[in-house]
Amino acid sequence: MAAACIATAAVASEQLADPIEGRWLGEAGFARDRVVVALEFRRNDQHELVGYLYQPVLNVYGVPLPGAFVRDAGRYVNADNRITLTLDDTKLEGTWSSLAFPVSLRRSETLPAEAPLPDAPMGPGPRWHVKLGAPIYAAAAVREGVAYVGTTGGVFHAVRVRDGSLAWTFNAGRPVHGEALVTDEAVYFACDAGLLYKLERASGKEVWRYDLGDAQVARVLPHTAVFDYDYHGPKPLLIEGVVYVGSGDGALHAVDARTGRRVWRFETGGKVRVSAVQAGDRVVFGGLDNKVYAVDSRRGTLAWSVDTRAPVTTAPALVDGKLIVGTRGSVLYALQPQTGEILWRALFSGSWVESEAVERDGLAYIGSSDLRRVSAIDPRDGRVVWRTDVYGSPWGRPLVSAQYVYIGAVGTDPYMMRHVGGMAALERASGRLAWRWPVASAPGALQSGFAASPALDGDTLVVGGLDGSLYAFPAR
């Protein structure tokens, strides 16, 4: 009797087994940017077929995929991740995501494993740092030996680059998340709770303030369980005496630079947290309503818009005559400036593209987010020339010199993957990590390191930290 029960249980177990259970290793992505990917299929406690993702380029190892795989007419479908796979003897092939990029897997005895952090040179270390009292997300704007930068504490600072001493401070009273625009005479910056300021550059005295109309719009800072956070802020754009800047209530404002009066206001369907760029007689910008807009700079009328199907959290950049725009849909777009036509798309392997592209000598250099990589991309077709792991989230805009690419990285702890904060320098020609200055996670802090973009003043690299300090590194 006992033997019969054991035999029956064995048969039932075999019936529950599925041909795709086990380990599979292969590649995913379109032809110009294929990456290694592995899936392990198992039955959970509810006897559902679930998958565990291993993807070295995204730094995930055994992360459970949401939802279950359901067998349907010979195919295995995971609706939550838009995965459809077909088993053909020893091959498992299909498509993934809303873009339906191809996946090809074969059975494997092993799965990718996480590599240890490299023993990279720590670099020169900072020349000085000055504590400014609150986390810094905004890039410093440098001009004639002074760095101008605001903090989430609501204070805007003018700091001398030679020694970190304060030239002046201005109490904005509201968090500052965006980079300032600095001219010979003035400093322009936007802050939360709806204000655009113009200050005298020499003294920090207020010239005028403009109401952006978004005083009631809340900002969500990075969080482990909330994924629609918006730590970005726009840098004002100045064209022929008019300042253009986005606002949290979903508008782009055109403001007379002399008087601070409104010229026009263009309304979108979501927060505008990124900077605008000039493209001929148009101003181009993106929003959290998933769209990129081109607006006539004089009249404020729409020329075109493109739906990217995901929030646009990076400023468009003109590279090789194309608008390069990143999204939280893990896609980098190249758009035709006059029409908005999509010229190419590049996948970022499941990572948000939080960084703004920078052009140098015919290539676009850009950071990412969970991908942890900085990429050099050929703007003609989106081909990746090199891609380097900096071991944290490179949210900021890279600073590209003749020899190096400098980038800050954000560390997050706890998190589903290892992200360590720091500042890094990569060799521009090869992408090789030249040095990395790590930042330890602070007790009680979710994030550490550098979310702000670095800036250059002579031979000094200036960047604000999430610890509330402004740092100066030798640039060499």
Protein backbone atom coordinates (compact mmCIF):
# COMPACT_ATOMS: atom_id res chain seq x y z
CA MET A 1 0.00 0.00 0.00
CA ALA A 2 2.79 2.45 0.93
CA ALA A 3 4.65 1.65 -2.29
CA ALA A 4 1.50 2.36 -4.31
CA CYS A 5 1.07 5.74 -2.61
CA ILE A 6 4.69 6.64 -3.35
CA ALA A 7 4.24 5.65 -6.98
CA THR A 8 1.05 7.70 -7.26
CA ALA A 9 2.78 10.73 -5.75
CA ALA A 10 5.66 10.37 -8.19
CA VAL A 11 3.25 10.28 -11.14
CA ALA A 12 1.42 13.36 -9.82
CA SER A 13 4.74 15.17 -9.45
CA GLU A 14 5.66 14.36 -13.02
CA GLN A 15 2.29 15.63 -14.19
CA LEU A 16 2.92 18.94 -12.43
CA ALA A 17 6.32 19.31 -14.08
CA ASP A 18 6.54 21.45 -17.19
CA PRO A 19 9.01 21.13 -20.07
CA ILE A 20 10.43 24.63 -19.52
CA GLU A 21 11.13 24.21 -15.81
CA GLY A 22 14.82 24.65 -15.07
CA ARG A 23 17.61 26.99 -16.20
CA TRP A 24 17.85 28.78 -19.53
CA LEU A 25 20.63 31.05 -20.79
CA GLY A 26 20.89 33.17 -23.93
CA GLU A 27 20.47 36.69 -25.29
CA ALA A 28 17.78 39.35 -25.56
CA GLY A 29 17.42 42.62 -27.40
CA PHE A 30 17.57 43.92 -30.93
CA ALA A 31 20.51 43.14 -33.20
CA ARG A 32 22.55 46.26 -32.41
CA ASP A 33 22.42 45.81 -28.63
CA ARG A 34 22.02 42.17 -27.59
CA VAL A 35 22.63 41.38 -23.91
CA VAL A 36 23.06 38.20 -21.89
CA VAL A 37 19.91 37.06 -20.09
CA ALA A 38 18.95 33.94 -18.15
CA LEU A 39 15.66 32.68 -16.76
CA GLU A 40 15.00 29.99 -14.20
CA PHE A 41 11.49 28.55 -14.16
CA ARG A 42 10.02 26.96 -11.04
CA ARG A 43 6.66 26.13 -9.49
CA ASN A 44 5.68 28.30 -6.52
CA ASP A 45 3.58 27.26 -3.51
CA GLN A 46 0.43 27.83 -5.57
CA HIS A 47 1.81 25.52 -8.30
CA GLU A 48 2.09 28.51 -10.66
CA LEU A 49 4.96 28.58 -13.13
CA VAL A 50 7.11 31.58 -12.23
CA GLY A 51 10.36 32.97 -13.60
CA TYR A 52 13.51 34.32 -11.95
CA LEU A 53 15.59 36.79 -13.95
CA TYR A 54 19.39 36.83 -14.23
CA GLN A 55 20.69 39.74 -16.29
CA PRO A 56 24.31 40.81 -15.68
CA VAL A 57 23.98 44.06 -17.63
CA LEU A 58 21.14 45.09 -15.31
CA ASN A 59 22.89 43.66 -12.24
CA VAL A 60 20.01 41.38 -11.25
CA TYR A 61 20.56 37.80 -10.15
CA GLY A 62 17.55 35.65 -9.32
CA VAL A 63 15.01 38.46 -9.10
CA PRO A 64 11.44 37.09 -9.33
CA LEU A 65 9.46 38.37 -12.30
CA PRO A 66 5.96 39.65 -11.48
CA GLY A 67 3.12 37.40 -12.55
CA ALA A 68 3.04 33.79 -13.66
CA PHE A 69 3.73 32.09 -17.00
CA VAL A 70 0.61 30.50 -18.47
CA ARG A 71 0.76 27.84 -21.17
CA ASP A 72 -1.45 28.81 -24.07
CA ALA A 73 -1.56 26.86 -27.35
CA GLY A 74 2.07 25.82 -27.08
CA ARG A 75 3.27 29.23 -25.94
CA TYR A 76 4.21 30.47 -22.48
CA VAL A 77 2.81 33.92 -21.75
CA ASN A 78 3.58 36.26 -18.85
CA ALA A 79 1.10 39.11 -19.28
CA ASP A 80 2.61 41.26 -16.52
CA ASN A 81 5.94 41.52 -18.35
CA ARG A 82 4.57 41.07 -21.89
CA ILE A 83 6.69 37.98 -22.42
CA THR A 84 5.72 35.34 -24.96
CA LEU A 85 7.96 32.27 -25.37
CA THR A 86 7.73 29.17 -27.55
CA LEU A 87 9.54 25.90 -26.77
CA ASP A 88 11.13 24.24 -29.79
CA ASP A 89 13.08 21.16 -28.75
CA THR A 90 16.15 22.61 -26.96
CA LYS A 91 15.38 26.27 -27.74
CA LEU A 92 13.09 28.73 -26.00
CA GLU A 93 12.40 31.77 -28.17
CA GLY A 94 9.99 34.67 -28.27
CA THR A 95 9.52 38.35 -27.48
CA TRP A 96 9.64 40.59 -24.41
CA SER A 97 8.12 43.97 -23.41
CA SER A 98 5.83 46.32 -25.30
CA LEU A 99 8.61 46.73 -27.88
CA ALA A 100 8.59 42.97 -28.51
CA PHE A 101 12.38 42.64 -28.59
CA PRO A 102 13.53 39.10 -29.40
CA VAL A 103 14.67 36.56 -26.80
CA SER A 104 16.57 33.35 -27.55
CA LEU A 105 17.47 30.86 -24.79
CA ARG A 106 18.92 27.37 -24.45
CA ARG A 107 19.11 25.03 -21.49
CA SER A 108 22.03 25.64 -19.16
CA GLU A 109 23.59 23.98 -16.13
CA THR A 110 24.77 27.31 -14.72
CA LEU A 111 23.38 30.81 -14.24
CA PRO A 112 25.20 34.18 -14.24
CA ALA A 113 26.61 35.26 -10.88
CA GLU A 114 27.40 38.75 -9.58
CA ALA A 115 31.03 39.83 -9.84
CA PRO A 116 32.70 41.56 -6.88
CA LEU A 117 33.41 45.28 -6.95
CA PRO A 118 36.67 45.97 -8.78
CA ASP A 119 39.77 47.17 -7.01
CA ALA A 120 39.84 50.42 -9.00
CA PRO A 121 42.10 53.38 -8.17
CA MET A 122 40.33 55.86 -5.89
CA GLY A 123 41.59 58.83 -7.84
CA PRO A 124 42.74 62.16 -6.43
CA GLY A 125 39.94 62.68 -3.92
CA PRO A 126 38.31 66.09 -3.34
CA ARG A 127 40.37 69.26 -2.96
CA TRP A 128 37.71 70.64 -0.66
CA HIS A 129 34.07 70.25 0.27
CA VAL A 130 31.66 72.69 1.87
CA LYS A 131 28.52 71.65 3.76
CA LEU A 132 25.46 73.42 2.34
CA GLY A 133 22.94 71.87 4.69
CA ALA A 134 20.62 69.75 2.53
CA PRO A 135 20.78 67.22 -0.34
CA ILE A 136 21.86 68.60 -3.70
CA TYR A 137 20.14 67.32 -6.85
CA ALA A 138 20.87 70.38 -8.98
CA ALA A 139 24.01 70.71 -11.06
CA ALA A 140 26.28 73.59 -10.16
CA ALA A 141 26.49 76.31 -12.81
CA VAL A 142 30.05 77.67 -12.92
CA ARG A 143 31.13 81.03 -14.28
CA GLU A 144 34.33 83.01 -13.72
CA GLY A 145 35.46 81.04 -10.70
CA VAL A 146 32.11 80.85 -8.90
CA ALA A 147 29.74 77.86 -8.63
CA TYR A 148 26.04 78.68 -8.32
CA VAL A 149 23.88 75.93 -6.81
CA GLY A 150 20.70 75.41 -4.80
CA THR A 151 19.71 72.69 -2.32
CA THR A 152 16.53 70.95 -1.24
CA GLY A 153 16.82 73.03 1.92
CA GLY A 154 15.66 76.09 -0.01
CA VAL A 155 18.93 78.05 0.01
CA PHE A 156 20.77 79.12 -3.13
CA HIS A 157 24.55 79.58 -2.89
CA ALA A 158 27.38 81.26 -4.74
CA VAL A 159 30.59 79.37 -3.85
CA ARG A 160 34.14 80.34 -4.84
CA VAL A 161 35.72 77.43 -6.71
CA ARG A 162 39.25 78.17 -5.54
CA ASP A 163 38.57 77.31 -1.89
CA GLY A 164 34.87 76.58 -1.30
CA SER A 165 34.20 79.86 0.49
CA LEU A 166 30.77 81.49 0.18
CA ALA A 167 30.47 84.59 -2.01
CA TRP A 168 26.80 85.04 -1.10
CA THR A 169 23.63 83.12 -0.25
CA PHE A 170 19.98 83.69 -1.11
CA ASN A 171 17.10 82.28 0.91
CA ALA A 172 14.61 81.02 -1.69
CA GLY A 173 12.56 79.33 1.00
CA ARG A 174 11.70 76.44 -1.32
CA PRO A 175 13.62 73.35 -2.52
CA VAL A 176 15.81 73.87 -5.58
CA HIS A 177 16.13 70.82 -7.85
CA GLY A 178 17.22 72.38 -11.14
CA GLU A 179 20.44 73.87 -12.45
CA ALA A 180 20.69 77.66 -12.62
CA LEU A 181 21.20 79.70 -15.78
CA VAL A 182 24.04 82.18 -15.27
CA THR A 183 24.78 85.16 -17.52
CA ASP A 184 27.24 88.03 -17.14
CA GLU A 185 24.77 90.01 -15.04
CA ALA A 186 22.16 87.61 -13.70
CA VAL A 187 21.32 84.22 -12.23
CA TYR A 188 18.00 82.53 -13.05
CA PHE A 189 16.68 79.47 -11.25
CA ALA A 190 13.36 77.76 -10.53
CA CYS A 191 12.32 76.28 -7.21
CA ASP A 192 9.42 74.29 -5.83
CA ALA A 193 6.15 75.90 -4.78
CA GLY A 194 6.01 77.84 -7.98
CA LEU A 195 8.73 80.46 -8.34
CA LEU A 196 11.27 81.47 -10.97
CA TYR A 197 13.89 83.90 -9.65
CA LYS A 198 16.22 86.38 -11.27
CA LEU A 199 19.10 87.53 -9.06
CA GLU A 200 22.00 89.91 -9.54
CA ARG A 201 25.02 87.70 -10.18
CA ALA A 202 27.47 89.89 -8.27
CA SER A 203 25.43 90.28 -5.08
CA GLY A 204 22.64 87.67 -5.06
CA LYS A 205 20.07 90.47 -4.71
CA GLU A 206 16.61 89.63 -6.06
CA VAL A 207 15.68 91.42 -9.30
CA TRP A 208 12.27 89.82 -9.83
CA ARG A 209 10.30 86.66 -9.15
CA TYR A 210 7.75 85.02 -11.44
CA ASP A 211 4.89 82.81 -10.24
CA LEU A 212 5.00 79.47 -12.10
CA GLY A 213 1.57 78.58 -10.74
CA ASP A 214 2.43 75.17 -9.29
CA ALA A 215 2.53 76.01 -5.60
CA GLN A 216 0.15 73.16 -4.77
CA VAL A 217 2.00 70.50 -6.77
CA ALA A 218 3.78 67.95 -4.59
CA ARG A 219 7.17 66.50 -5.38
CA VAL A 220 7.97 62.85 -4.63
CA LEU A 221 11.60 62.08 -3.79
CA PRO A 222 13.21 58.66 -4.44
CA HIS A 223 11.67 55.81 -2.48
CA THR A 224 12.02 52.02 -2.36
CA ALA A 225 8.34 51.35 -3.04
CA VAL A 226 7.13 54.45 -4.94
CA PHE A 227 8.36 54.56 -8.52
CA ASP A 228 6.88 57.78 -9.89
CA TYR A 229 9.28 60.04 -8.01
CA ASP A 230 10.47 63.24 -9.68
CA TYR A 231 13.69 64.58 -8.23
CA HIS A 232 14.55 66.42 -11.48
CA GLY A 233 14.24 70.17 -11.91
CA PRO A 234 14.45 72.30 -15.09
CA LYS A 235 17.25 74.69 -15.97
CA PRO A 236 15.90 77.93 -17.45
CA LEU A 237 16.66 78.49 -21.15
CA LEU A 238 17.37 82.04 -22.42
CA ILE A 239 16.71 82.93 -26.06
CA GLU A 240 16.71 86.53 -27.33
CA GLY A 241 15.56 88.09 -24.07
CA VAL A 242 13.00 85.41 -23.15
CA VAL A 243 13.41 82.77 -20.41
CA TYR A 244 11.75 79.38 -20.96
CA VAL A 245 11.15 77.03 -18.04
CA GLY A 246 8.79 74.17 -17.19
CA SER A 247 6.59 73.87 -14.11
CA GLY A 248 5.05 71.18 -11.95
CA ASP A 249 1.50 71.97 -13.09
CA GLY A 250 2.35 70.76 -16.59
CA ALA A 251 3.26 73.93 -18.45
CA LEU A 252 6.15 75.58 -20.24
CA HIS A 253 6.43 79.27 -19.45
CA ALA A 254 7.99 82.01 -21.60
CA VAL A 255 9.00 84.96 -19.40
CA ASP A 256 10.45 88.34 -20.36
CA ALA A 257 14.00 88.27 -18.97
CA ARG A 258 14.05 92.01 -18.29
CA THR A 259 10.69 92.49 -16.58
CA GLY A 260 9.73 89.03 -15.32
CA ARG A 261 6.35 89.22 -17.05
CA ARG A 262 4.73 86.35 -18.88
CA VAL A 263 5.06 86.23 -22.67
CA TRP A 264 3.07 83.02 -23.09
CA ARG A 265 2.25 79.72 -21.37
CA PHE A 266 1.93 76.33 -23.11
CA GLU A 267 0.03 73.63 -21.22
CA THR A 268 0.76 69.88 -21.35
CA GLY A 269 -0.79 66.88 -19.63
CA GLY A 270 1.79 66.29 -16.90
CA LYS A 271 4.58 67.77 -14.80
CA VAL A 272 7.46 69.34 -16.73
CA ARG A 273 10.54 68.60 -14.65
CA VAL A 274 13.26 68.77 -17.31
CA SER A 275 15.04 71.51 -19.19
CA ALA A 276 14.09 72.69 -22.65
CA VAL A 277 16.47 72.95 -25.60
CA GLN A 278 16.45 75.29 -28.58
CA ALA A 279 16.05 73.69 -32.01
CA GLY A 280 15.92 76.45 -34.60
CA ASP A 281 12.86 78.61 -33.95
CA ARG A 282 11.40 76.02 -31.59
CA VAL A 283 11.73 75.05 -27.96
CA VAL A 284 11.73 71.29 -27.33
CA PHE A 285 11.05 69.65 -23.96
CA GLY A 286 9.52 66.53 -22.41
CA GLY A 287 7.03 65.85 -19.66
CA LEU A 288 5.78 63.21 -17.26
CA ASP A 289 2.75 62.79 -19.56
CA ASN A 290 5.01 60.60 -21.78
CA LYS A 291 5.38 63.19 -24.52
CA VAL A 292 8.08 65.28 -26.17
CA TYR A 293 6.87 68.67 -27.40
CA ALA A 294 8.22 71.18 -29.93
CA VAL A 295 6.71 74.66 -29.45
CA ASP A 296 7.19 77.80 -31.53
CA SER A 297 9.44 79.98 -29.38
CA ARG A 298 7.75 83.26 -30.32
CA ARG A 299 4.07 82.31 -30.33
CA GLY A 300 3.93 79.38 -27.94
CA THR A 301 2.04 77.22 -30.43
CA LEU A 302 2.55 73.49 -30.90
CA ALA A 303 4.69 72.41 -33.85
CA TRP A 304 4.65 68.67 -33.05
CA SER A 305 4.54 66.18 -30.22
CA VAL A 306 5.65 62.56 -29.90
CA ASP A 307 4.26 59.95 -27.50
CA THR A 308 7.19 57.98 -26.03
CA ARG A 309 4.85 55.74 -23.97
CA ALA A 310 6.77 56.53 -20.78
CA PRO A 311 7.61 59.58 -18.65
CA VAL A 312 10.32 61.83 -20.09
CA THR A 313 12.67 62.71 -17.25
CA THR A 314 15.72 63.81 -19.25
CA ALA A 315 16.27 67.00 -21.17
CA PRO A 316 16.48 66.57 -24.95
CA ALA A 317 19.99 67.04 -26.34
CA LEU A 318 20.92 68.03 -29.89
CA VAL A 319 23.50 65.54 -31.14
CA ASP A 320 24.47 65.10 -34.79
CA GLY A 321 21.40 67.08 -35.83
CA LYS A 322 19.10 64.78 -33.85
CA LEU A 323 17.19 65.21 -30.61
CA ILE A 324 18.37 62.50 -28.20
CA VAL A 325 15.77 61.88 -25.48
CA GLY A 326 15.70 59.29 -22.69
CA THR A 327 12.60 57.89 -21.00
CA ARG A 328 11.52 55.74 -18.08
CA GLY A 329 10.35 53.18 -20.61
CA SER A 330 13.97 51.98 -20.87
CA VAL A 331 14.24 53.48 -24.34
CA LEU A 332 16.52 56.16 -25.78
CA TYR A 333 14.99 57.99 -28.75
CA ALA A 334 16.50 59.93 -31.63
CA LEU A 335 13.99 62.40 -33.10
CA GLN A 336 14.07 64.58 -36.19
CA PRO A 337 13.98 68.18 -34.82
CA GLN A 338 11.68 69.63 -37.47
CA THR A 339 9.05 66.90 -37.56
CA GLY A 340 9.48 64.76 -34.44
CA GLU A 341 9.90 61.66 -36.61
CA ILE A 342 11.46 58.77 -34.67
CA LEU A 343 14.79 58.03 -36.39
CA TRP A 344 15.85 55.19 -34.10
CA ARG A 345 15.30 53.65 -30.68
CA ALA A 346 17.89 52.08 -28.38
CA LEU A 347 16.99 49.76 -25.51
CA PHE A 348 18.48 50.20 -22.05
CA SER A 349 17.80 46.63 -20.90
CA GLY A 350 14.99 47.43 -18.47
CA SER A 351 16.70 50.49 -16.96
CA TRP A 352 15.26 53.99 -16.88
CA VAL A 353 17.27 56.54 -18.85
CA GLU A 354 17.58 59.34 -16.27
CA SER A 355 20.64 61.00 -17.77
CA GLU A 356 20.96 63.69 -20.43
CA ALA A 357 23.16 63.01 -23.44
CA VAL A 358 26.32 65.04 -24.15
CA GLU A 359 28.00 65.27 -27.56
CA ARG A 360 31.73 65.20 -28.14
CA ASP A 361 33.56 64.41 -31.39
CA GLY A 362 30.60 62.74 -33.02
CA LEU A 363 29.49 60.51 -30.13
CA ALA A 364 26.75 60.83 -27.52
CA TYR A 365 27.73 60.07 -23.92
CA ILE A 366 24.92 59.25 -21.49
CA GLY A 367 24.24 57.66 -18.11
CA SER A 368 21.27 55.51 -17.10
CA SER A 369 19.79 54.27 -13.80
CA ASP A 370 19.55 50.59 -12.76
CA LEU A 371 21.78 49.71 -15.71
CA ARG A 372 24.63 51.32 -13.71
CA ARG A 373 26.39 51.97 -17.00
CA VAL A 374 27.65 55.00 -18.86
CA SER A 375 27.41 54.54 -22.61
CA ALA A 376 29.10 56.01 -25.65
CA ILE A 377 26.57 55.82 -28.48
CA ASP A 378 26.85 56.46 -32.20
CA PRO A 379 24.08 59.02 -32.85
CA ARG A 380 23.72 57.92 -36.47
CA ASP A 381 21.99 54.65 -35.57
CA GLY A 382 22.03 54.18 -31.77
CA ARG A 383 24.84 51.62 -31.83
CA VAL A 384 26.65 51.25 -28.49
CA VAL A 385 30.39 51.95 -28.95
CA TRP A 386 31.25 51.14 -25.34
CA ARG A 387 29.38 50.75 -22.07
CA THR A 388 30.99 50.84 -18.61
CA ASP A 389 29.71 49.85 -15.18
CA VAL A 390 30.14 52.59 -12.55
CA TYR A 391 28.48 50.46 -9.79
CA GLY A 392 25.75 52.98 -8.95
CA SER A 393 22.94 54.85 -10.70
CA PRO A 394 24.51 57.46 -13.05
CA TRP A 395 21.53 59.82 -13.11
CA GLY A 396 23.40 63.00 -13.93
CA ARG A 397 24.62 64.42 -17.21
CA PRO A 398 28.18 63.25 -17.94
CA LEU A 399 30.95 65.82 -18.12
CA VAL A 400 33.08 64.99 -21.16
CA SER A 401 36.62 66.31 -21.57
CA ALA A 402 39.22 65.53 -24.22
CA GLN A 403 40.47 62.55 -22.22
CA TYR A 404 37.84 61.61 -19.64
CA VAL A 405 34.12 61.15 -19.03
CA TYR A 406 33.25 62.19 -15.46
CA ILE A 407 30.03 60.98 -13.87
CA GLY A 408 28.50 60.78 -10.41
CA ALA A 409 26.65 57.68 -9.19
CA VAL A 410 23.87 57.20 -6.64
CA GLY A 411 23.98 54.34 -4.18
CA THR A 412 20.73 52.90 -2.80
CA ASP A 413 20.45 50.67 0.26
CA PRO A 414 18.30 48.67 0.72
CA TYR A 415 17.63 47.75 -2.91
CA MET A 416 17.08 44.64 -5.01
CA MET A 417 20.48 45.08 -6.65
CA ARG A 418 23.82 46.46 -5.46
CA HIS A 419 24.22 50.18 -6.13
CA VAL A 420 27.13 52.04 -4.55
CA GLY A 421 27.49 55.82 -4.68
CA GLY A 422 30.61 57.62 -5.87
CA MET A 423 32.35 59.73 -8.49
CA ALA A 424 34.05 58.11 -11.46
CA ALA A 425 36.31 59.01 -14.36
CA LEU A 426 36.28 56.89 -17.53
CA GLU A 427 38.76 57.04 -20.38
CA ARG A 428 36.81 58.62 -23.21
CA ALA A 429 38.34 56.55 -25.99
CA SER A 430 37.75 53.12 -24.46
CA GLY A 431 35.35 53.57 -21.54
CA ARG A 432 37.90 52.00 -19.18
CA LEU A 433 37.35 52.94 -15.54
CA ALA A 434 40.29 55.21 -14.71
CA TRP A 435 39.35 55.92 -11.10
CA ARG A 436 36.41 55.70 -8.77
CA TRP A 437 35.94 57.61 -5.52
CA PRO A 438 33.33 55.66 -3.51
CA VAL A 439 30.87 57.10 -1.02
CA ALA A 440 29.71 54.92 1.85
CA SER A 441 26.03 54.62 2.66
CA ALA A 442 25.10 56.89 5.55
CA PRO A 443 23.20 55.41 8.53
CA GLY A 444 19.48 55.92 8.06
CA ALA A 445 19.84 57.33 4.54
CA LEU A 446 18.25 55.52 1.61
CA GLN A 447 20.64 57.04 -0.92
CA SER A 448 24.19 58.30 -1.04
CA GLY A 449 26.63 59.66 -3.59
CA PHE A 450 25.95 62.08 -6.43
CA ALA A 451 22.65 62.59 -8.26
CA ALA A 452 23.76 65.98 -9.60
CA SER A 453 25.66 66.48 -12.84
CA PRO A 454 29.31 67.52 -12.46
CA ALA A 455 30.56 70.85 -13.81
CA LEU A 456 34.03 72.03 -14.79
CA ASP A 457 35.83 75.24 -13.90
CA GLY A 458 39.38 75.26 -15.24
CA ASP A 459 41.04 72.19 -13.76
CA THR A 460 38.43 71.71 -11.04
CA LEU A 461 35.41 69.40 -11.12
CA VAL A 462 32.50 70.70 -9.01
CA VAL A 463 29.56 68.49 -7.98
CA GLY A 464 26.90 68.50 -5.29
CA GLY A 465 26.33 65.46 -3.08
CA LEU A 466 23.25 63.90 -1.54
CA ASP A 467 24.97 64.43 1.81
CA GLY A 468 24.44 68.19 1.39
CA SER A 469 28.05 69.03 0.52
CA LEU A 470 29.49 70.66 -2.57
CA TYR A 471 32.71 68.93 -3.63
CA ALA A 472 35.66 70.03 -5.76
CA PHE A 473 37.82 67.33 -7.42
CA PRO A 474 40.94 67.80 -9.50
CA ALA A 475 40.08 67.17 -13.14
CA ARG A 476 43.03 65.28 -14.54
